[in-house]
Amino acid sequence: MFGIGKKKEETQATSCCCNQPDKGNAQCGCNMADQADCGCAANVGNTVKILGSGCKNCHTLLENTQAAVKAMGKSNSIRIEYITDMPTVMSYGVMSMPALVLNEKVVSMGKVLKPSEVQRILENSGC
């Protein structure tokens, strides 16, 4: 009457942020032939965000970050986002821009880092 003695229905597990059933991929349920092609969070090891207003310095930090990630050979495992939405930028407590955020932690603000400096930050964080 109240489900007593009834066997629980088994549900198919999902292993990915896209909530797709596991289709044989070891880490992702997206049915992608190559996991590197999947944009799901399960396949992205680290996220780097550039926070800014869209100015030249912000674009330069974005380009330098992209160059650093490429030089490290981690283009498939580090996702780079450029955020110019001011309420979102302010939610990080950033008072000067551009800012570099690694895995939701502000690691630099108010400086245009060189690619080598970005690379050092990423390596020191275990990326």
Protein backbone atom coordinates (compact mmCIF):
# COMPACT_ATOMS: atom_id res chain seq x y z
CA MET A 1 0.00 0.00 0.00
CA PHE A 2 2.71 2.51 0.95
CA GLY A 3 5.41 0.95 -1.16
CA ILE A 4 6.43 -1.45 1.59
CA GLY A 5 7.99 -4.55 0.19
CA LYS A 6 8.18 -3.12 -3.31
CA LYS A 7 11.51 -3.10 -5.06
CA LYS A 8 12.85 0.35 -5.91
CA GLU A 9 12.96 1.08 -9.59
CA GLU A 10 16.49 1.33 -10.87
CA THR A 11 17.26 4.46 -12.79
CA GLN A 12 19.91 4.76 -15.43
CA ALA A 13 22.85 6.69 -14.02
CA THR A 14 24.13 9.84 -15.60
CA SER A 15 27.76 10.74 -15.42
CA CYS A 16 27.75 14.15 -16.96
CA CYS A 17 26.43 17.65 -16.42
CA CYS A 18 24.34 17.35 -19.57
CA ASN A 19 22.18 14.72 -17.81
CA GLN A 20 22.35 12.33 -20.72
CA PRO A 21 22.35 8.59 -19.94
CA ASP A 22 25.74 6.92 -20.07
CA LYS A 23 26.21 5.69 -23.62
CA GLY A 24 29.48 3.87 -23.11
CA ASN A 25 31.85 6.79 -22.67
CA ALA A 26 33.95 6.32 -19.56
CA GLN A 27 33.46 9.81 -18.14
CA CYS A 28 30.76 11.45 -20.19
CA GLY A 29 27.21 10.55 -21.03
CA CYS A 30 27.09 12.76 -24.11
CA ASN A 31 27.52 10.10 -26.78
CA MET A 32 30.42 12.09 -28.20
CA ALA A 33 32.93 10.00 -30.13
CA ASP A 34 35.78 11.94 -28.56
CA GLN A 35 35.45 13.26 -25.00
CA ALA A 36 37.59 16.25 -25.89
CA ASP A 37 34.78 17.39 -28.22
CA CYS A 38 32.31 17.50 -25.37
CA GLY A 39 31.81 20.85 -23.67
CA CYS A 40 30.47 19.28 -20.48
CA ALA A 41 32.02 20.16 -17.16
CA ALA A 42 32.93 16.51 -16.56
CA ASN A 43 35.48 16.82 -19.34
CA VAL A 44 36.88 20.21 -18.45
CA GLY A 45 39.48 20.04 -15.72
CA ASN A 46 39.88 23.71 -14.91
CA THR A 47 38.10 26.94 -15.72
CA VAL A 48 39.89 30.25 -16.19
CA LYS A 49 37.81 33.39 -16.35
CA ILE A 50 38.91 36.80 -17.52
CA LEU A 51 36.80 39.48 -15.87
CA GLY A 52 36.71 42.89 -17.45
CA SER A 53 34.84 45.71 -19.10
CA GLY A 54 35.83 44.91 -22.66
CA CYS A 55 38.76 47.31 -22.73
CA LYS A 56 42.08 46.78 -24.52
CA ASN A 57 43.81 45.55 -21.35
CA CYS A 58 41.09 42.97 -20.76
CA HIS A 59 41.40 41.69 -24.31
CA THR A 60 45.18 41.54 -23.94
CA LEU A 61 44.88 39.43 -20.78
CA LEU A 62 42.47 37.14 -22.61
CA GLU A 63 44.91 36.73 -25.51
CA ASN A 64 47.83 36.16 -23.12
CA THR A 65 45.84 33.55 -21.22
CA GLN A 66 44.94 31.77 -24.44
CA ALA A 67 48.61 31.80 -25.47
CA ALA A 68 49.68 30.39 -22.09
CA VAL A 69 47.14 27.57 -22.23
CA LYS A 70 48.17 26.74 -25.79
CA ALA A 71 51.88 26.76 -24.85
CA MET A 72 51.11 24.33 -22.03
CA GLY A 73 49.29 22.04 -24.46
CA LYS A 74 46.18 22.13 -22.28
CA SER A 75 43.65 23.59 -24.69
CA ASN A 76 41.37 20.57 -24.19
CA SER A 77 41.51 20.52 -20.40
CA ILE A 78 41.38 24.22 -19.51
CA ARG A 79 38.27 26.19 -20.43
CA ILE A 80 38.67 29.96 -20.83
CA GLU A 81 35.74 32.33 -20.40
CA TYR A 82 35.64 36.09 -20.96
CA ILE A 83 33.10 37.81 -18.75
CA THR A 84 32.11 41.46 -19.21
CA ASP A 85 28.76 41.39 -17.40
CA MET A 86 29.36 43.91 -14.61
CA PRO A 87 27.07 42.35 -11.96
CA THR A 88 28.89 39.06 -12.50
CA VAL A 89 32.29 40.75 -12.37
CA MET A 90 31.36 42.53 -9.14
CA SER A 91 30.13 39.28 -7.59
CA TYR A 92 33.77 38.17 -7.49
CA GLY A 93 34.68 41.22 -5.40
CA VAL A 94 36.97 42.54 -8.10
CA MET A 95 37.74 46.23 -7.66
CA SER A 96 40.16 46.69 -10.57
CA MET A 97 40.22 45.08 -13.96
CA PRO A 98 41.25 42.98 -15.73
CA ALA A 99 41.05 40.09 -13.32
CA LEU A 100 42.03 36.46 -13.69
CA VAL A 101 39.90 33.85 -11.94
CA LEU A 102 41.01 30.23 -11.67
CA ASN A 103 38.41 27.69 -10.57
CA GLU A 104 36.26 30.44 -9.02
CA LYS A 105 39.16 32.02 -7.08
CA VAL A 106 40.51 35.45 -8.03
CA VAL A 107 44.25 35.00 -8.56
CA SER A 108 45.09 38.37 -10.11
CA MET A 109 43.43 41.74 -10.57
CA GLY A 110 44.38 45.08 -12.02
CA LYS A 111 47.31 43.67 -14.02
CA VAL A 112 47.81 42.58 -17.60
CA LEU A 113 49.79 39.41 -17.03
CA LYS A 114 52.25 38.17 -19.64
CA PRO A 115 51.69 34.66 -21.03
CA SER A 116 54.62 33.38 -18.96
CA GLU A 117 53.06 34.80 -15.78
CA VAL A 118 49.69 33.21 -16.54
CA GLN A 119 51.44 29.92 -17.29
CA ARG A 120 53.29 30.05 -13.95
CA ILE A 121 50.02 30.67 -12.08
CA LEU A 122 48.34 27.76 -13.85
CA GLU A 123 51.27 25.41 -13.24
CA ASN A 124 51.51 26.38 -9.56
CA SER A 125 47.81 25.62 -9.15
CA GLY A 126 48.23 22.13 -10.54
CA CYS A 127 46.70 22.71 -13.97
